[in-house]
């Protein structure tokens, strides 16, 4: 599955979901960053709605369940309520968040970040892909530059159903993960700037080789990640570019992406400081200039205890094996947690594989997650009072 944000394939997927929603007589709204909201009306329009949903975009050659499983399960919940003539006090909203993956346009979780007022709309709209095309241009091109105003929108509670994207649930023979929080993370774009020169005529001791500077940085960063491994820390370098990119030219520029994650806020900040210190030290000792651009910073978070309790109670009543979990991945719920009581529900994925074409789930896991979501959402939407 390669369905990058705001591409024609992304448009086709969203068009299909909206078509199904409209046929079921649900209301559809789209905000200025392209987030889609599908509403099943409740009995009392004065009460804040219950929110669920996830994303439809994917990684390059990613899996076909990451994100969109939670969207389709949410739609199935709403359709099943119609089929069974179930009325809820509160309206139920299904959201499809724009550019969760952050692959084509960085940073990730863009739509939910704008929704939660953690990223300015104009900054998001001006983000460019590798071809210089902006988010704004693509939203307009595919017809998802909405105008609906959600600035006063206050959900009663928010739940997101998602595959675990790791091996823990399957290894422990548990069907449901009750997600209590998420790792903090920071994203960087780092560039070493040296001097491009002829590979055959420039002696080794007279070079300003940006490529070797990056290589030294990568080894040091790996060491830093291993130091934090037992405490839950992670460091990943996912993209690298050398310029001018010729086999017989010394690289004058070396650019790479870096992301770090940690469950402890203080440890995350210490890692952040060490990264700056390491990069500048490598730059100085190798006669290279260094540019560091931090493009994402999310603190470790705890989800809402009342939402967690609802999911836990429902899971027990349905008889599913379960365990509490901290999410190692970033999700839209990490931003939604700032504006509403929020939590997540995980199901296993085969061999823990995700962001991979082999990503898979079983019918039993899929059904279990949808059942827990359905019963939790109905329970929350049946409350006539505010949390």
Protein backbone atom coordinates (compact mmCIF):
# COMPACT_ATOMS: atom_id res chain seq x y z
CA UNK A 1 0.00 0.00 0.00
CA UNK A 2 1.47 3.31 -1.10
CA UNK A 3 -1.21 5.93 -0.47
CA UNK A 4 0.73 9.07 0.36
CA UNK A 5 -1.07 12.11 1.76
CA UNK A 6 -3.01 14.27 -0.70
CA UNK A 7 -2.18 12.14 -3.73
CA UNK A 8 -4.80 10.92 -6.22
CA UNK A 9 -4.99 7.59 -4.34
CA UNK A 10 -5.61 9.41 -1.07
CA UNK A 11 -8.39 11.37 -2.76
CA UNK A 12 -9.95 8.16 -4.12
CA UNK A 13 -9.97 6.57 -0.67
CA UNK A 14 -11.56 9.63 0.96
CA UNK A 15 -14.06 9.98 -1.88
CA UNK A 16 -15.14 6.36 -1.32
CA UNK A 17 -15.56 6.84 2.43
CA UNK A 18 -17.57 10.04 1.96
CA UNK A 19 -19.78 8.35 -0.62
CA UNK A 20 -20.58 5.53 1.84
CA UNK A 21 -21.23 8.09 4.58
CA UNK A 22 -23.62 10.15 2.49
CA UNK A 23 -25.53 7.05 1.39
CA UNK A 24 -26.07 6.31 5.09
CA UNK A 25 -27.42 9.88 5.56
CA UNK A 26 -24.48 10.99 7.72
CA UNK A 27 -23.37 14.62 7.66
CA UNK A 28 -19.92 15.36 6.20
CA UNK A 29 -17.72 18.38 6.97
CA UNK A 30 -14.16 19.24 5.91
CA UNK A 31 -11.94 21.81 7.60
CA UNK A 32 -9.19 23.96 6.08
CA UNK A 33 -6.40 21.39 6.51
CA UNK A 34 -8.54 18.69 4.89
CA UNK A 35 -9.61 16.80 8.00
CA UNK A 36 -12.90 15.01 7.29
CA UNK A 37 -15.66 14.73 9.92
CA UNK A 38 -18.55 12.31 9.40
CA UNK A 39 -21.41 12.73 11.89
CA UNK A 40 -24.17 10.41 13.05
CA UNK A 41 -26.62 12.70 14.80
CA UNK A 42 -27.50 12.05 18.43
CA UNK A 43 -30.75 12.84 20.20
CA UNK A 44 -29.35 15.92 21.96
CA UNK A 45 -27.50 18.35 19.69
CA UNK A 46 -26.60 20.53 22.71
CA UNK A 47 -24.25 17.87 24.05
CA UNK A 48 -20.64 17.66 22.88
CA UNK A 49 -20.09 14.76 20.45
CA UNK A 50 -18.01 11.64 20.91
CA UNK A 51 -15.11 11.45 18.45
CA UNK A 52 -13.36 8.46 16.89
CA UNK A 53 -11.22 7.87 13.81
CA UNK A 54 -7.70 7.68 12.46
CA UNK A 55 -5.97 8.33 9.12
CA UNK A 56 -6.12 7.00 5.56
CA UNK A 57 -2.63 7.87 4.27
CA UNK A 58 0.16 5.29 4.33
CA UNK A 59 3.92 4.94 4.28
CA UNK A 60 5.62 4.13 0.95
CA UNK A 61 5.11 0.39 0.46
CA UNK A 62 3.38 0.31 3.84
CA UNK A 63 0.65 -1.93 5.15
CA UNK A 64 -3.06 -1.80 4.37
CA UNK A 65 -4.28 -1.68 7.98
CA UNK A 66 -2.17 1.09 9.55
CA UNK A 67 -4.60 3.94 10.23
CA UNK A 68 -7.37 3.08 7.82
CA UNK A 69 -8.43 0.03 9.89
CA UNK A 70 -9.52 2.48 12.59
CA UNK A 71 -11.39 4.59 10.04
CA UNK A 72 -13.25 1.64 8.50
CA UNK A 73 -14.03 0.16 11.92
CA UNK A 74 -15.44 3.54 12.96
CA UNK A 75 -17.62 3.68 9.86
CA UNK A 76 -18.81 0.13 10.53
CA UNK A 77 -19.76 1.13 14.09
CA UNK A 78 -21.94 3.94 12.76
CA UNK A 79 -23.52 1.75 10.06
CA UNK A 80 -24.23 -0.99 12.62
CA UNK A 81 -25.95 1.51 14.89
CA UNK A 82 -28.15 2.43 11.93
CA UNK A 83 -28.84 -1.22 11.16
CA UNK A 84 -29.94 -1.86 14.74
CA UNK A 85 -31.83 1.43 15.19
CA UNK A 86 -29.65 2.41 18.16
CA UNK A 87 -30.04 6.03 19.25
CA UNK A 88 -27.43 7.75 21.38
CA UNK A 89 -27.75 10.92 23.43
CA UNK A 90 -24.63 12.42 21.89
CA UNK A 91 -23.70 12.68 18.25
CA UNK A 92 -20.88 10.42 17.10
CA UNK A 93 -18.21 11.86 14.82
CA UNK A 94 -15.76 9.87 12.70
CA UNK A 95 -12.62 11.81 11.75
CA UNK A 96 -10.12 11.10 8.98
CA UNK A 97 -7.02 13.09 9.85
CA UNK A 98 -4.83 14.61 7.13
CA UNK A 99 -1.19 13.55 6.68
CA UNK A 100 -0.71 11.46 9.81
CA UNK A 101 2.33 9.66 8.43
CA UNK A 102 4.40 12.75 7.63
CA UNK A 103 6.09 10.92 4.75
CA UNK A 104 5.27 13.20 1.86
CA UNK A 105 4.85 16.34 3.97
CA UNK A 106 6.70 16.71 7.29
CA UNK A 107 5.92 16.81 10.14
CA UNK A 108 3.65 13.89 10.91
CA UNK A 109 0.17 14.12 12.48
CA UNK A 110 -0.31 17.42 10.68
CA UNK A 111 -4.10 17.47 10.50
CA UNK A 112 -4.60 16.65 14.16
CA UNK A 113 -1.85 19.11 15.16
CA UNK A 114 -3.66 21.95 13.37
CA UNK A 115 -6.98 20.80 14.86
CA UNK A 116 -5.47 20.86 18.37
CA UNK A 117 -3.90 24.29 17.72
CA UNK A 118 -0.41 22.85 18.17
CA UNK A 119 0.54 23.88 14.64
CA UNK A 120 -0.52 27.01 12.82
CA UNK A 121 -2.71 26.43 9.79
CA UNK A 122 -0.60 28.68 7.57
CA UNK A 123 2.57 26.80 8.53
CA UNK A 124 0.97 23.47 7.67
CA UNK A 125 -0.39 24.73 4.36
CA UNK A 126 3.04 26.01 3.33
CA UNK A 127 4.84 22.67 3.92
CA UNK A 128 6.38 21.27 0.72
CA UNK A 129 7.08 17.78 -0.56
CA UNK A 130 10.35 16.81 -2.27
CA UNK A 131 9.10 18.33 -5.53
CA UNK A 132 8.31 21.71 -3.96
CA UNK A 133 4.53 21.18 -4.06
CA UNK A 134 2.74 22.62 -1.00
CA UNK A 135 0.00 21.14 1.14
CA UNK A 136 -2.24 24.03 0.14
CA UNK A 137 -1.75 23.38 -3.57
CA UNK A 138 -2.53 19.68 -3.22
CA UNK A 139 -5.59 20.20 -1.02
CA UNK A 140 -6.98 22.52 -3.67
CA UNK A 141 -6.04 20.19 -6.52
CA UNK A 142 -7.80 17.14 -5.08
CA UNK A 143 -10.78 19.13 -3.80
CA UNK A 144 -10.21 18.77 -0.05
CA UNK A 145 -9.43 22.37 0.88
CA UNK A 146 -12.46 22.64 3.13
CA UNK A 147 -13.99 25.70 4.75
CA UNK A 148 -15.90 24.28 7.72
CA UNK A 149 -15.00 25.93 11.03
CA UNK A 150 -14.06 23.64 13.92
CA UNK A 151 -12.45 26.30 16.11
CA UNK A 152 -15.24 25.93 18.70
CA UNK A 153 -15.49 22.16 18.42
CA UNK A 154 -15.17 20.44 21.81
CA UNK A 155 -15.46 16.63 21.79
CA UNK A 156 -16.79 14.93 24.90
CA UNK A 157 -14.23 12.14 24.48
CA UNK A 158 -12.04 10.65 21.74
CA UNK A 159 -11.06 7.04 20.97
CA UNK A 160 -8.77 5.74 18.23
CA UNK A 161 -8.61 2.09 17.18
CA UNK A 162 -5.30 1.05 15.62
CA UNK A 163 -3.06 -1.92 15.00
CA UNK A 164 -0.28 -2.18 17.57
CA UNK A 165 2.54 -1.96 14.99
CA UNK A 166 4.70 -4.05 17.30
CA UNK A 167 5.02 -7.65 18.54
CA UNK A 168 3.92 -7.41 22.18
CA UNK A 169 0.22 -8.33 22.01
CA UNK A 170 0.78 -11.31 19.75
CA UNK A 171 3.73 -12.50 21.85
CA UNK A 172 1.61 -12.29 25.02
CA UNK A 173 -1.43 -13.92 23.34
CA UNK A 174 -3.58 -10.87 24.09
CA UNK A 175 -6.22 -9.55 21.71
CA UNK A 176 -6.70 -5.98 22.99
CA UNK A 177 -4.16 -3.38 24.04
CA UNK A 178 -5.53 -0.70 26.37
CA UNK A 179 -3.31 2.26 25.55
CA UNK A 180 -2.49 4.37 28.60
CA UNK A 181 0.01 6.76 27.03
CA UNK A 182 2.61 7.43 24.37
CA UNK A 183 6.34 7.98 24.05
CA UNK A 184 7.55 11.52 23.58
CA UNK A 185 9.38 12.23 20.35
CA UNK A 186 11.41 14.82 18.51
CA UNK A 187 12.18 15.04 14.79
CA UNK A 188 15.19 16.80 13.26
CA UNK A 189 16.64 17.57 9.86
CA UNK A 190 20.43 17.83 10.15
CA UNK A 191 22.91 18.99 7.52
CA UNK A 192 26.71 19.00 7.49
CA UNK A 193 28.21 21.51 5.06
CA UNK A 194 31.77 21.05 3.82
CA UNK A 195 33.29 21.54 0.40
CA UNK A 196 32.72 19.48 -2.75
CA UNK A 197 35.99 18.63 -4.48
CA UNK A 198 37.66 16.14 -6.82
CA UNK A 199 37.95 12.67 -5.30
CA UNK A 200 41.27 11.92 -6.99
CA UNK A 201 43.18 15.16 -6.53
CA UNK A 202 42.26 16.22 -2.98
CA UNK A 203 44.39 14.57 -0.24
CA UNK A 204 42.51 12.98 2.65
CA UNK A 205 43.95 15.37 5.23
CA UNK A 206 42.86 18.43 3.22
CA UNK A 207 39.22 17.53 2.75
CA UNK A 208 36.04 18.98 4.25
CA UNK A 209 34.04 15.81 3.62
CA UNK A 210 30.43 16.23 4.71
CA UNK A 211 29.72 12.54 4.04
CA UNK A 212 32.28 11.30 6.55
CA UNK A 213 30.98 13.85 9.03
CA UNK A 214 27.50 12.37 8.68
CA UNK A 215 28.88 8.83 9.01
CA UNK A 216 30.61 9.73 12.28
CA UNK A 217 27.40 11.35 13.50
CA UNK A 218 25.37 8.24 12.70
CA UNK A 219 27.71 6.02 14.75
CA UNK A 220 27.61 8.39 17.73
CA UNK A 221 23.82 8.61 17.54
CA UNK A 222 23.54 4.82 17.46
CA UNK A 223 25.67 4.67 20.62
CA UNK A 224 23.40 7.23 22.29
CA UNK A 225 20.34 5.18 21.37
CA UNK A 226 21.87 2.01 22.82
CA UNK A 227 22.64 3.85 26.07
CA UNK A 228 18.92 4.67 26.42
CA UNK A 229 17.60 1.34 25.10
CA UNK A 230 16.91 -0.30 28.46
CA UNK A 231 14.93 2.78 29.56
CA UNK A 232 12.75 2.77 26.44
CA UNK A 233 14.72 5.23 24.29
CA UNK A 234 14.91 4.94 20.51
CA UNK A 235 16.92 6.74 17.83
CA UNK A 236 16.30 6.39 14.09
CA UNK A 237 17.93 7.86 10.99
CA UNK A 238 15.48 7.29 8.14
CA UNK A 239 16.62 9.43 5.19
CA UNK A 240 20.07 10.45 3.94
CA UNK A 241 21.19 12.58 1.00
CA UNK A 242 24.65 13.44 -0.29
CA UNK A 243 25.30 16.38 -2.59
CA UNK A 244 26.33 16.52 -5.39
CA UNK A 245 25.85 12.74 -5.30
CA UNK A 246 28.58 11.65 -7.72
CA UNK A 247 30.90 8.71 -7.11
CA UNK A 248 34.07 10.72 -7.81
CA UNK A 249 33.15 13.94 -6.01
CA UNK A 250 33.73 14.52 -2.30
CA UNK A 251 30.31 15.35 -0.81
CA UNK A 252 30.01 19.03 0.00
CA UNK A 253 26.70 18.56 1.79
CA UNK A 254 25.25 15.67 3.78
CA UNK A 255 21.64 15.82 4.95
CA UNK A 256 19.76 13.33 7.08
CA UNK A 257 16.64 12.96 9.18
CA UNK A 258 16.74 11.99 12.84
CA UNK A 259 13.99 11.08 15.25
CA UNK A 260 14.25 10.24 18.94
CA UNK A 261 11.64 8.76 21.29
CA UNK A 262 11.50 8.19 25.04
CA UNK A 263 8.84 7.57 27.70
CA UNK A 264 10.52 9.96 30.15
CA UNK A 265 10.38 13.71 29.52
CA UNK A 266 13.62 14.52 31.36
CA UNK A 267 15.50 11.77 29.52
CA UNK A 268 14.10 13.00 26.19
CA UNK A 269 15.36 16.52 26.90
CA UNK A 270 18.80 15.17 27.88
CA UNK A 271 18.97 13.25 24.61
CA UNK A 272 18.01 16.44 22.77
CA UNK A 273 20.90 18.37 24.38
CA UNK A 274 23.38 15.57 23.69
CA UNK A 275 22.40 15.57 20.03
CA UNK A 276 23.15 19.28 19.66
CA UNK A 277 26.45 18.87 21.53
CA UNK A 278 27.48 15.85 19.43
CA UNK A 279 26.62 17.42 16.09
CA UNK A 280 28.48 20.64 16.83
CA UNK A 281 31.50 18.72 18.14
CA UNK A 282 31.64 16.60 14.99
CA UNK A 283 31.26 19.70 12.85
CA UNK A 284 34.11 21.48 14.65
CA UNK A 285 36.54 18.56 14.59
CA UNK A 286 35.87 17.90 10.89
CA UNK A 287 35.82 21.54 9.75
CA UNK A 288 32.16 21.35 8.81
CA UNK A 289 29.29 23.73 9.35
CA UNK A 290 26.19 22.23 10.97
CA UNK A 291 22.53 23.11 10.52
CA UNK A 292 19.94 21.53 12.86
CA UNK A 293 16.24 22.05 12.21
CA UNK A 294 13.88 20.60 14.82
CA UNK A 295 10.53 20.09 13.10
CA UNK A 296 8.53 18.13 15.70
CA UNK A 297 8.52 17.99 19.49
CA UNK A 298 5.95 16.01 21.49
CA UNK A 299 6.30 15.31 25.20
CA UNK A 300 5.51 11.86 26.63
CA UNK A 301 1.85 11.79 27.55
CA UNK A 302 -0.72 9.94 29.60
CA UNK A 303 -4.17 9.35 28.16
CA UNK A 304 -7.36 10.15 30.07
CA UNK A 305 -8.09 7.77 32.96
CA UNK A 306 -11.86 7.83 32.46
CA UNK A 307 -11.55 6.90 28.78
CA UNK A 308 -9.09 4.17 29.70
CA UNK A 309 -11.52 2.87 32.32
CA UNK A 310 -14.37 2.72 29.80
CA UNK A 311 -12.24 0.72 27.34
CA UNK A 312 -11.01 -1.59 30.11
CA UNK A 313 -14.54 -2.25 31.41
CA UNK A 314 -15.89 -2.95 27.93
CA UNK A 315 -12.97 -5.27 27.11
CA UNK A 316 -13.50 -7.26 30.30
CA UNK A 317 -17.25 -7.52 29.73
CA UNK A 318 -16.68 -8.82 26.21
CA UNK A 319 -14.23 -11.40 27.53
CA UNK A 320 -11.18 -10.44 25.46
CA UNK A 321 -7.67 -11.04 26.77
CA UNK A 322 -5.94 -7.70 27.21
CA UNK A 323 -3.10 -5.70 28.71
CA UNK A 324 -2.20 -2.08 29.34
CA UNK A 325 0.33 -0.62 26.88
CA UNK A 326 2.38 2.47 26.14
CA UNK A 327 2.38 3.33 22.44
CA UNK A 328 5.83 3.53 20.92
CA UNK A 329 4.42 5.14 17.78
CA UNK A 330 3.00 8.61 17.39
CA UNK A 331 -0.71 8.83 16.62
CA UNK A 332 -3.28 11.57 16.03
CA UNK A 333 -4.61 10.85 19.52
CA UNK A 334 -1.39 12.31 20.92
CA UNK A 335 -2.62 15.72 19.76
CA UNK A 336 -6.31 15.06 20.44
CA UNK A 337 -5.35 14.40 24.06
CA UNK A 338 -4.74 18.16 24.40
CA UNK A 339 -8.33 19.09 23.48
CA UNK A 340 -10.45 16.19 24.77
CA UNK A 341 -10.32 13.20 27.10
CA UNK A 342 -8.68 10.59 24.85
CA UNK A 343 -7.36 7.07 24.67
CA UNK A 344 -6.58 4.34 22.14
CA UNK A 345 -7.38 0.69 21.50
CA UNK A 346 -4.78 -1.64 19.94
CA UNK A 347 -5.17 -5.00 18.25
CA UNK A 348 -2.20 -7.23 17.31
CA UNK A 349 -0.57 -7.41 13.90
CA UNK A 350 1.10 -10.55 12.57
CA UNK A 351 4.73 -10.82 13.69
CA UNK A 352 4.54 -7.21 14.85
CA UNK A 353 5.19 -5.97 11.32
CA UNK A 354 4.00 -2.54 10.24
CA UNK A 355 5.15 0.10 7.74
CA UNK A 356 5.77 -2.98 5.63
CA UNK A 357 3.87 -4.70 2.80
CA UNK A 358 3.66 -7.86 4.93
CA UNK A 359 1.59 -6.06 7.58
CA UNK A 360 -1.42 -8.23 8.39
CA UNK A 361 -4.15 -8.91 10.96
CA UNK A 362 -6.63 -11.75 11.50
CA UNK A 363 -10.40 -11.57 11.13
CA UNK A 364 -10.72 -12.39 14.84
CA UNK A 365 -8.50 -9.50 15.89
CA UNK A 366 -10.28 -7.15 13.50
CA UNK A 367 -13.68 -8.09 14.91
CA UNK A 368 -12.48 -7.81 18.52
CA UNK A 369 -11.15 -4.29 18.01
CA UNK A 370 -14.33 -3.16 16.30
CA UNK A 371 -16.49 -4.65 19.06
CA UNK A 372 -14.51 -2.90 21.79
CA UNK A 373 -14.67 0.37 19.85
CA UNK A 374 -18.42 0.02 19.25
CA UNK A 375 -19.35 -0.74 22.85
CA UNK A 376 -16.99 1.94 24.21
CA UNK A 377 -18.32 4.60 21.84
CA UNK A 378 -21.96 3.73 22.61
CA UNK A 379 -21.22 3.86 26.33
CA UNK A 380 -19.62 7.30 26.02
CA UNK A 381 -22.28 8.60 23.63
CA UNK A 382 -25.08 7.49 25.97
CA UNK A 383 -23.93 9.86 28.74
CA UNK A 384 -26.11 12.94 29.07
CA UNK A 385 -23.58 14.69 31.29
CA UNK A 386 -20.12 16.14 30.81
CA UNK A 387 -16.93 14.49 32.06
